[in-house]
Amino acid sequence: MNYDTIKGKLDEEVEKNGVKVVVENKAVMYLLGTEMDYVEDDIKAEFVFNNPNSKGSCGCGESFNI
């Protein structure tokens, strides 16, 4: 996940509760149905993704496989 200031012509934009997320057009089919949440606790604050299509993920949580 990266922050970007330019939206590509074919990129998808999703907005909810005032938050906009832009998804690269090549990634859309892999992310269908994914829920994103922001979680804070005493130790960390992070984005958490729940992808119902995922069959597994790496230990750091940055990549997954379908």
C-alpha atoms as a PDB file:
ATOM      1  CA  MET A   1       0.000   0.000   0.000  1.00  0.00           C
ATOM      2  CA  ASN A   2       1.339   3.408  -0.964  1.00  0.00           C
ATOM      3  CA  TYR A   3       0.148   6.965  -0.747  1.00  0.00           C
ATOM      4  CA  ASP A   4      -0.282   8.674  -4.091  1.00  0.00           C
ATOM      5  CA  THR A   5      -1.429  12.062  -5.298  1.00  0.00           C
ATOM      6  CA  ILE A   6      -2.295  11.097  -8.880  1.00  0.00           C
ATOM      7  CA  LYS A   7      -5.230   8.863  -9.818  1.00  0.00           C
ATOM      8  CA  GLY A   8      -4.679   6.801 -12.960  1.00  0.00           C
ATOM      9  CA  LYS A   9      -7.277   6.975 -15.719  1.00  0.00           C
ATOM     10  CA  LEU A  10      -8.467   3.401 -15.112  1.00  0.00           C
ATOM     11  CA  ASP A  11      -8.021   3.299 -11.322  1.00  0.00           C
ATOM     12  CA  GLU A  12     -11.075   2.694  -9.112  1.00  0.00           C
ATOM     13  CA  GLU A  13     -11.962   5.166  -6.366  1.00  0.00           C
ATOM     14  CA  VAL A  14     -13.944   4.068  -3.318  1.00  0.00           C
ATOM     15  CA  GLU A  15     -15.233   6.576  -0.772  1.00  0.00           C
ATOM     16  CA  LYS A  16     -16.872   5.850   2.563  1.00  0.00           C
ATOM     17  CA  ASN A  17     -17.300   8.026   5.644  1.00  0.00           C
ATOM     18  CA  GLY A  18     -15.237  10.777   4.008  1.00  0.00           C
ATOM     19  CA  VAL A  19     -12.238   8.535   3.322  1.00  0.00           C
ATOM     20  CA  LYS A  20     -11.151   7.957  -0.282  1.00  0.00           C
ATOM     21  CA  VAL A  21      -9.169   4.913  -1.337  1.00  0.00           C
ATOM     22  CA  VAL A  22      -7.834   4.544  -4.880  1.00  0.00           C
ATOM     23  CA  VAL A  23      -7.195   1.018  -6.155  1.00  0.00           C
ATOM     24  CA  GLU A  24      -4.946   0.383  -9.140  1.00  0.00           C
ATOM     25  CA  ASN A  25      -6.985  -1.132 -11.964  1.00  0.00           C
ATOM     26  CA  LYS A  26      -4.775  -4.273 -12.082  1.00  0.00           C
ATOM     27  CA  ALA A  27      -5.520  -5.025  -8.401  1.00  0.00           C
ATOM     28  CA  VAL A  28      -9.309  -4.597  -8.408  1.00  0.00           C
ATOM     29  CA  MET A  29     -10.205  -8.219  -9.187  1.00  0.00           C
ATOM     30  CA  TYR A  30      -7.983  -9.470  -6.324  1.00  0.00           C
ATOM     31  CA  LEU A  31      -9.522  -7.067  -3.805  1.00  0.00           C
ATOM     32  CA  LEU A  32     -13.238  -7.564  -4.487  1.00  0.00           C
ATOM     33  CA  GLY A  33     -15.077  -8.043  -1.197  1.00  0.00           C
ATOM     34  CA  THR A  34     -12.145  -6.837   0.910  1.00  0.00           C
ATOM     35  CA  GLU A  35     -12.961  -4.941   4.093  1.00  0.00           C
ATOM     36  CA  MET A  36     -10.507  -2.350   5.399  1.00  0.00           C
ATOM     37  CA  ASP A  37     -10.464  -1.108   8.991  1.00  0.00           C
ATOM     38  CA  TYR A  38      -8.195   1.117  11.071  1.00  0.00           C
ATOM     39  CA  VAL A  39      -7.387  -0.440  14.444  1.00  0.00           C
ATOM     40  CA  GLU A  40      -5.658   1.211  17.403  1.00  0.00           C
ATOM     41  CA  ASP A  41      -4.546  -0.431  20.625  1.00  0.00           C
ATOM     42  CA  ASP A  42      -1.981   0.302  23.339  1.00  0.00           C
ATOM     43  CA  ILE A  43       0.934  -0.826  21.179  1.00  0.00           C
ATOM     44  CA  LYS A  44       0.103   0.012  17.567  1.00  0.00           C
ATOM     45  CA  ALA A  45      -2.253   1.657  15.108  1.00  0.00           C
ATOM     46  CA  GLU A  46      -2.672   0.056  11.693  1.00  0.00           C
ATOM     47  CA  PHE A  47      -4.895  -0.668   8.723  1.00  0.00           C
ATOM     48  CA  VAL A  48      -6.323  -4.180   8.839  1.00  0.00           C
ATOM     49  CA  PHE A  49      -7.602  -5.900   5.690  1.00  0.00           C
ATOM     50  CA  ASN A  50     -10.042  -8.793   5.615  1.00  0.00           C
ATOM     51  CA  ASN A  51     -10.037 -10.340   2.147  1.00  0.00           C
ATOM     52  CA  PRO A  52     -12.497 -13.233   1.875  1.00  0.00           C
ATOM     53  CA  ASN A  53     -10.717 -14.464  -1.283  1.00  0.00           C
ATOM     54  CA  SER A  54      -7.333 -14.840   0.431  1.00  0.00           C
ATOM     55  CA  LYS A  55      -6.028 -18.377   0.933  1.00  0.00           C
ATOM     56  CA  GLY A  56      -2.925 -17.318   2.868  1.00  0.00           C
ATOM     57  CA  SER A  57      -0.680 -14.394   3.733  1.00  0.00           C
ATOM     58  CA  CYS A  58       2.872 -13.603   4.747  1.00  0.00           C
ATOM     59  CA  GLY A  59       3.847 -13.027   8.350  1.00  0.00           C
ATOM     60  CA  CYS A  60       4.103  -9.253   7.992  1.00  0.00           C
ATOM     61  CA  GLY A  61       0.610  -8.965   6.484  1.00  0.00           C
ATOM     62  CA  GLU A  62       1.644  -7.009   3.396  1.00  0.00           C
ATOM     63  CA  SER A  63       1.003  -9.710   0.807  1.00  0.00           C
ATOM     64  CA  PHE A  64      -1.506 -12.482   0.280  1.00  0.00           C
ATOM     65  CA  ASN A  65      -2.285 -15.255  -2.178  1.00  0.00           C
ATOM     66  CA  ILE A  66      -5.532 -16.347  -3.778  1.00  0.00           C
END
